[in-house]
Protein backbone atom coordinates (compact mmCIF):
# COMPACT_ATOMS: atom_id res chain seq x y z
CA MET A 1 0.00 0.00 0.00
CA LYS A 2 2.87 2.31 0.83
CA LYS A 3 4.50 1.64 -2.51
CA ILE A 4 1.26 2.45 -4.36
CA LEU A 5 0.99 5.83 -2.60
CA ILE A 6 4.58 6.73 -3.48
CA LEU A 7 4.03 5.79 -7.13
CA ALA A 8 0.85 7.85 -7.26
CA PHE A 9 2.73 10.86 -5.87
CA TYR A 10 5.36 10.68 -8.61
CA CYS A 11 2.65 10.50 -11.25
CA ILE A 12 0.72 13.47 -9.91
CA SER A 13 3.74 15.78 -9.19
CA PRO A 14 4.34 16.81 -12.87
CA LEU A 15 0.72 17.92 -13.07
CA LEU A 16 1.16 19.96 -9.90
CA SER A 17 4.31 21.54 -11.33
CA PHE A 18 2.55 22.43 -14.60
CA SER A 19 -0.32 23.93 -12.69
CA GLN A 20 2.04 26.19 -10.71
CA THR A 21 3.90 27.30 -13.82
CA ASP A 22 0.70 28.18 -15.65
CA SER A 23 -0.52 30.18 -12.68
CA SER A 24 2.70 32.20 -12.66
CA ARG A 25 2.42 32.93 -16.36
CA THR A 26 -1.11 34.21 -15.89
CA LYS A 27 0.01 36.66 -13.25
CA THR A 28 2.78 37.93 -15.54
CA GLU A 29 0.36 38.49 -18.36
CA GLU A 30 -1.81 40.60 -16.10
CA ILE A 31 0.97 43.15 -15.31
CA ASP A 32 0.04 46.69 -16.38
CA PHE A 33 3.02 47.87 -18.48
CA ASP A 34 1.50 51.36 -18.86
CA SER A 35 2.59 52.03 -15.30
CA PHE A 36 6.22 52.21 -16.50
CA GLY A 37 5.56 55.36 -18.64
CA ASP A 38 6.86 56.28 -22.10
CA ALA A 39 10.62 55.88 -22.57
CA ASP A 40 10.65 58.65 -25.22
CA ASP A 41 9.69 61.19 -22.57
CA LYS A 42 13.08 60.69 -20.94
CA LYS A 43 15.33 60.94 -24.03
CA ILE A 44 18.42 63.17 -23.94
CA LYS A 45 18.07 66.59 -25.62
CA THR A 46 20.48 67.17 -28.51
CA PHE A 47 21.98 70.43 -29.83
CA CYS A 48 23.31 71.55 -33.19
CA THR A 49 27.01 72.37 -33.69
CA GLN A 50 28.53 75.60 -34.99
CA LYS A 51 30.10 74.01 -38.11
CA VAL A 52 29.17 72.37 -41.37
CA ASN A 53 31.13 69.70 -43.23
CA TYR A 54 34.37 70.81 -44.92
CA LEU A 55 34.19 74.29 -43.35
CA SER A 56 37.56 76.05 -43.08
CA PRO A 57 39.15 75.33 -39.67
CA THR A 58 39.02 77.81 -36.79
CA LYS A 59 42.36 79.55 -36.21
CA LEU A 60 43.38 79.39 -32.54
CA ILE A 61 46.73 81.15 -33.04
CA SER A 62 47.67 83.17 -36.12
CA ILE A 63 50.91 85.03 -36.93
CA GLY A 64 51.33 86.69 -40.30
CA TYR A 65 52.32 89.66 -42.41
CA GLU A 66 50.25 91.74 -44.84
CA GLY A 67 51.67 94.22 -47.30
CA GLN A 68 50.47 96.40 -50.18
CA LEU A 69 52.42 97.32 -53.29
CA ASP A 70 53.29 100.99 -53.88
CA TYR A 71 50.66 103.56 -54.90
CA HIS A 72 50.04 107.30 -55.13
CA LEU A 73 48.36 109.34 -52.37
CA THR A 74 46.89 112.84 -52.72
CA SER A 75 45.72 114.70 -49.62
CA THR A 76 43.74 117.94 -49.37
CA SER A 77 43.66 119.71 -46.00
CA VAL A 78 40.73 122.04 -45.34
CA ASN A 79 40.73 124.97 -42.92
CA ASN A 80 37.04 125.40 -42.09
CA ASN A 81 37.70 128.69 -40.28
CA THR A 82 39.33 130.44 -43.24
CA ASN A 83 37.60 128.37 -45.95
CA THR A 84 40.94 127.59 -47.58
CA SER A 85 42.48 124.34 -48.67
CA ASN A 86 45.90 122.95 -49.52
CA THR A 87 46.62 119.88 -51.66
CA THR A 88 49.77 117.78 -51.41
CA ASP A 89 50.73 114.44 -52.83
CA THR A 90 53.24 111.68 -52.21
CA HIS A 91 54.16 108.21 -53.36
CA VAL A 92 53.64 105.44 -50.82
CA ASN A 93 56.51 102.97 -51.13
CA SER A 94 55.31 100.43 -48.59
CA PHE A 95 52.16 99.92 -46.54
CA GLY A 96 51.88 96.89 -44.29
CA GLY A 97 52.79 95.13 -41.07
CA PHE A 98 52.44 92.12 -38.82
CA ARG A 99 49.11 90.65 -37.77
CA MET A 100 48.62 88.38 -34.78
CA GLY A 101 45.55 86.72 -33.35
CA LEU A 102 44.64 84.44 -30.45
CA ASN A 103 41.33 82.63 -30.06
CA THR A 104 40.69 80.42 -27.03
CA PRO A 105 37.55 78.70 -25.71
CA LEU A 106 36.34 79.76 -22.25
CA ILE A 107 33.40 77.33 -22.24
CA SER A 108 32.97 74.44 -24.67
CA LYS A 109 29.84 72.38 -24.07
CA SER A 110 27.25 70.85 -26.35
CA ASN A 111 24.73 73.52 -25.28
CA LEU A 112 27.07 76.54 -25.01
CA ILE A 113 30.36 77.68 -26.59
CA ILE A 114 32.10 80.90 -25.52
CA ASN A 115 35.36 82.00 -27.16
CA LEU A 116 37.67 84.87 -26.20
CA GLY A 117 39.83 86.47 -28.88
CA LEU A 118 42.77 88.89 -28.93
CA THR A 119 44.12 90.61 -32.06
CA PHE A 120 46.95 92.99 -32.90
CA TRP A 121 47.37 94.54 -36.36
CA ASN A 122 50.23 96.88 -37.19
CA THR A 123 50.60 99.04 -40.30
CA GLN A 124 53.90 100.78 -41.03
CA VAL A 125 53.89 103.34 -43.85
CA THR A 126 56.93 104.65 -45.74
CA MET A 127 56.44 107.42 -48.29
CA GLU A 128 58.33 110.07 -50.21
CA ASN A 129 58.49 113.56 -48.69
CA PRO A 130 56.29 112.95 -45.61
CA GLU A 131 57.21 116.42 -44.34
CA ARG A 132 54.86 117.93 -46.92
CA SER A 133 51.85 117.24 -44.69
CA ALA A 134 51.24 116.74 -40.98
CA PHE A 135 48.71 114.09 -42.01
CA PHE A 136 51.41 112.09 -43.82
CA GLN A 137 53.55 112.09 -40.68
CA ARG A 138 50.67 110.89 -38.49
CA ILE A 139 49.87 107.83 -40.61
CA ASN A 140 53.45 106.53 -40.53
CA SER A 141 52.28 104.00 -37.92
CA MET A 142 48.73 102.77 -37.40
CA ASN A 143 47.85 100.03 -34.94
CA SER A 144 44.76 98.16 -33.83
CA THR A 145 44.53 96.03 -30.68
CA GLY A 146 41.26 94.22 -30.15
CA LEU A 147 39.43 92.09 -27.63
CA ASN A 148 36.42 90.06 -28.78
CA LEU A 149 33.96 87.65 -27.23
CA THR A 150 31.88 85.19 -29.28
CA VAL A 151 28.95 83.18 -27.91
CA PHE A 152 27.34 80.28 -29.79
CA LYS A 153 24.14 79.16 -28.07
CA PRO A 154 22.25 76.25 -29.68
CA LEU A 155 18.59 76.19 -28.69
CA ASN A 156 18.01 72.65 -29.99
CA ASP A 157 19.26 70.52 -32.89
CA LYS A 158 17.85 72.98 -35.48
CA GLN A 159 18.12 76.55 -34.14
CA PHE A 160 20.88 78.64 -32.60
CA LEU A 161 21.96 82.13 -31.50
CA ILE A 162 25.30 83.87 -32.10
CA PHE A 163 26.46 86.95 -30.20
CA GLN A 164 29.74 88.77 -30.76
CA ALA A 165 31.16 91.84 -29.04
CA ASN A 166 34.37 93.69 -29.99
CA SER A 167 36.40 96.45 -28.40
CA ASP A 168 39.37 97.90 -30.32
CA VAL A 169 42.02 100.53 -29.64
CA ASN A 170 42.98 102.07 -33.01
CA GLY A 171 45.44 104.78 -33.87
CA ASN A 172 48.95 106.10 -33.96
CA TYR A 173 49.98 104.93 -30.50
CA GLY A 174 52.80 107.48 -30.37
CA ASN A 175 50.25 110.33 -30.47
CA LEU A 176 47.61 109.16 -28.02
CA ASP A 177 48.91 111.62 -25.40
CA GLY A 178 46.84 110.08 -22.62
CA GLN A 179 43.71 110.16 -24.78
CA ILE A 180 43.32 106.40 -25.19
CA GLN A 181 39.56 106.62 -24.68
CA LYS A 182 39.32 108.52 -27.98
CA ALA A 183 40.92 105.58 -29.80
CA ILE A 184 38.42 102.96 -28.59
CA THR A 185 35.61 101.67 -30.80
CA TYR A 186 32.87 99.18 -29.90
CA SER A 187 31.23 96.74 -32.28
CA GLY A 188 28.73 93.92 -31.92
CA THR A 189 26.63 91.38 -33.82
CA ALA A 190 23.56 89.29 -32.96
CA ILE A 191 22.30 86.46 -35.22
CA TYR A 192 19.38 84.03 -35.02
CA GLY A 193 20.02 80.99 -37.17
CA TRP A 194 18.86 77.60 -38.40
CA LYS A 195 20.95 74.44 -38.83
CA LYS A 196 19.39 72.54 -41.73
CA GLY A 197 21.80 69.60 -41.56
CA ASP A 198 25.47 68.73 -41.52
CA ASN A 199 26.01 70.70 -44.75
CA PHE A 200 23.96 73.86 -44.26
CA MET A 201 23.40 76.57 -41.66
CA TRP A 202 22.17 80.12 -42.08
CA GLY A 203 20.97 83.05 -39.99
CA LEU A 204 19.71 86.64 -39.90
CA GLY A 205 20.86 89.40 -37.59
CA LEU A 206 22.00 92.95 -36.97
CA THR A 207 25.47 94.40 -36.54
CA ARG A 208 27.08 97.58 -35.26
CA THR A 209 30.33 97.79 -37.21
CA TYR A 210 33.25 99.99 -38.24
CA ARG A 211 34.42 97.69 -41.05
CA ALA A 212 33.75 100.28 -43.76
CA GLY A 213 35.73 102.89 -41.82
CA GLN A 214 32.89 104.53 -39.94
CA LEU A 215 30.04 103.52 -37.65
CA LEU A 216 27.23 101.62 -39.40
CA HIS A 217 24.15 99.74 -38.14
CA ILE A 218 23.15 97.23 -40.81
CA PRO A 219 21.52 93.80 -41.22
CA VAL A 220 23.75 90.74 -41.59
CA ILE A 221 23.22 87.32 -43.19
CA LEU A 222 25.14 84.21 -42.13
CA TYR A 223 25.30 81.58 -44.88
CA ASN A 224 27.53 78.48 -44.68
CA LYS A 225 26.68 75.73 -47.18
CA THR A 226 28.59 72.72 -48.50
CA PHE A 227 27.18 71.53 -51.82
CA ASN A 228 29.47 68.47 -52.11
CA PRO A 229 32.96 67.44 -50.91
CA LYS A 230 34.54 69.87 -53.41
CA TRP A 231 32.43 73.07 -53.31
CA GLY A 232 30.92 75.29 -50.66
CA ILE A 233 30.14 78.87 -49.60
CA GLU A 234 31.24 80.63 -46.38
CA SER A 235 29.69 84.05 -45.86
CA THR A 236 28.79 86.67 -43.29
CA PHE A 237 27.25 89.13 -45.72
CA PRO A 238 27.96 91.99 -46.33
CA ALA A 239 31.26 91.84 -44.40
CA LYS A 240 32.70 88.89 -46.35
CA LEU A 241 31.80 86.16 -48.82
CA ASN A 242 33.91 83.25 -50.07
CA VAL A 243 33.36 80.40 -52.52
CA ARG A 244 35.37 77.41 -51.25
CA ARG A 245 37.00 74.74 -53.44
CA ASN A 246 38.25 71.77 -51.41
CA PHE A 247 41.09 69.72 -52.91
CA SER A 248 41.27 67.43 -49.86
CA PRO A 249 40.27 67.57 -46.17
CA THR A 250 43.54 69.47 -45.51
CA SER A 251 43.80 71.75 -48.54
CA TYR A 252 41.41 74.28 -50.11
CA LEU A 253 41.12 77.47 -52.12
CA MET A 254 38.71 80.35 -51.40
CA MET A 255 37.66 83.10 -53.82
CA GLY A 256 35.72 86.12 -52.62
CA TYR A 257 36.04 89.42 -50.80
CA GLU A 258 36.17 90.99 -47.33
CA ILE A 259 35.58 94.51 -46.04
CA GLU A 260 38.07 95.65 -43.40
CA GLY A 261 38.53 98.89 -41.51
CA ASN A 262 38.01 100.97 -38.41
CA THR A 263 38.29 104.54 -37.13
CA PHE A 264 41.84 105.48 -36.03
CA TYR A 265 42.67 108.32 -33.65
CA LEU A 266 45.77 110.15 -34.95
CA GLY A 267 46.04 112.74 -32.17
CA GLN A 268 45.74 116.49 -32.62
CA ILE A 269 46.82 118.47 -35.67
CA ASN A 270 46.63 122.27 -35.34
CA SER A 271 44.79 121.84 -32.01
CA THR A 272 42.09 119.71 -33.67
CA ASP A 273 41.42 116.03 -32.97
CA VAL A 274 41.90 113.97 -36.14
CA PHE A 275 40.15 110.62 -36.69
CA LEU A 276 41.05 108.63 -39.80
CA ARG A 277 38.08 106.63 -41.13
CA ARG A 278 39.83 103.81 -42.93
CA GLY A 279 37.81 101.23 -44.90
CA GLU A 280 39.05 98.76 -47.51
CA LEU A 281 37.28 96.39 -49.92
CA LYS A 282 39.47 93.39 -50.73
CA PRO A 283 38.61 91.02 -53.58
CA ARG A 284 41.04 88.12 -53.07
CA ILE A 285 42.07 84.50 -53.48
CA THR A 286 43.19 82.50 -50.45
CA PHE A 287 44.97 79.14 -50.42
CA GLU A 288 45.29 77.22 -47.15
CA THR A 289 46.92 73.85 -46.49
CA LYS A 290 48.10 71.77 -43.57
CA LEU A 291 51.85 71.67 -43.00
CA ILE A 292 52.06 69.27 -40.05
CA GLY A 293 49.70 68.33 -37.26
CA PHE A 294 47.45 71.31 -36.54
CA VAL A 295 49.80 73.85 -38.18
CA TRP A 296 48.45 75.34 -41.42
CA LEU A 297 49.87 77.79 -43.97
CA SER A 298 47.67 80.53 -45.42
CA ALA A 299 48.61 82.52 -48.56
CA GLN A 300 46.37 85.33 -49.80
CA ALA A 301 46.56 87.76 -52.72
CA GLY A 302 44.15 90.33 -54.09
CA LEU A 303 43.30 93.96 -54.73
CA ARG A 304 42.98 96.62 -52.04
CA TYR A 305 40.23 98.98 -53.15
CA ASN A 306 39.99 102.18 -51.10
CA TRP A 307 36.50 102.40 -49.59
CA ARG A 308 37.24 105.32 -47.25
CA PHE A 309 40.42 107.12 -46.10
CA ASP A 310 39.32 110.61 -45.05
CA SER A 311 39.92 112.27 -41.68
CA TYR A 312 37.40 114.13 -39.51
CA SER A 313 37.35 115.92 -36.19
CA THR A 314 34.91 113.37 -34.71
CA GLN A 315 35.06 109.61 -34.38
CA ASN A 316 31.50 109.02 -35.59
CA PRO A 317 29.56 110.85 -38.33
CA VAL A 318 27.66 113.99 -37.34
CA ALA A 319 25.35 116.26 -39.31
CA ASN A 320 26.96 118.66 -41.81
CA GLU A 321 30.48 117.45 -41.05
CA LYS A 322 33.40 118.34 -43.31
CA ALA A 323 36.62 116.40 -43.73
CA VAL A 324 39.78 117.80 -42.13
CA PHE A 325 41.86 115.82 -44.65
CA SER A 326 40.25 114.51 -47.82
CA ASN A 327 42.40 111.83 -49.48
CA THR A 328 42.58 110.02 -52.80
CA LEU A 329 44.43 106.68 -52.94
CA GLY A 330 45.47 104.29 -55.66
CA SER A 331 44.23 100.67 -55.53
CA PRO A 332 47.29 98.42 -55.32
CA LEU A 333 47.66 94.66 -55.19
CA TYR A 334 48.28 93.19 -51.76
CA PHE A 335 49.40 89.91 -50.21
CA ASN A 336 49.06 88.18 -46.84
CA MET A 337 51.04 85.22 -45.49
CA SER A 338 50.43 83.56 -42.13
CA LEU A 339 51.10 80.46 -40.04
CA ASN A 340 48.11 79.22 -38.07
CA PHE A 341 47.48 76.72 -35.31
CA VAL A 342 43.95 75.47 -35.97
CA SER A 343 41.34 73.65 -33.90
CA PRO A 344 41.02 69.85 -34.28
């Protein structure tokens, strides 16, 4: 009898086990998965970058020289008190100097990039018979030292903001005479933009600028587009526009133009403050290539077209103003060579 009971137990036990397993499965099927929420609600937010494919690299350190070929300069000085004028001319034998720049990131995150920049541009001028005019003697050395701050703030993976602020000290540093505040200019730009993909970004904004030689408040258009691995456009219009031809990831040619300039304080001439409003339009060709590592060579050549080179008694335009020195310049060829340490 005992043996029969044991045998019956072994026969029934698989059924008991099946019954327990089936019960467990039923409980699992009754779990409410909605209680766990939607995983998409917890996804990480992404942000667009400040570059497009094949864009020219950012220069972290730049050391170079720019020079212009010789040209003729005619200057007319005006005495507004006596209503008389005097015209002199000279031949400019050389016009150029060293240019240095430093650009370093203060904050570099996916949702915020802040860069601080320092620049120094020097222009040394040699000319025939500079003693003919006090103006000629004051432009023998012109310098510009600048501090700039650039903020790139992506709002999401499609939209972004760019802010830039500049402060520059411009003039003949030997004639500041403790009046450095008169040599300072302030510029700024604000842009709202859209990142359409890895090959295209554009934006609209406003700028306060001295690039054309005097204070202007104008709209600005950012347009960076890569059409294919060989061709692209890099532009912050109207300040500059370049068509880019890539030969390889480390070598390219750019064809376009840039407007450069600022207002330079030259000191006092005949007890009158003199501010030179210097603006230049430069159609040019630029070739850049990697030498080794992150060190690149840049070679540039083009035409320097005189946009503005007159002097006034005020830094910024005022109503009914008249030039203290009205100047006519030739448009020579120019060149620029620099070594640059670029960002990865």
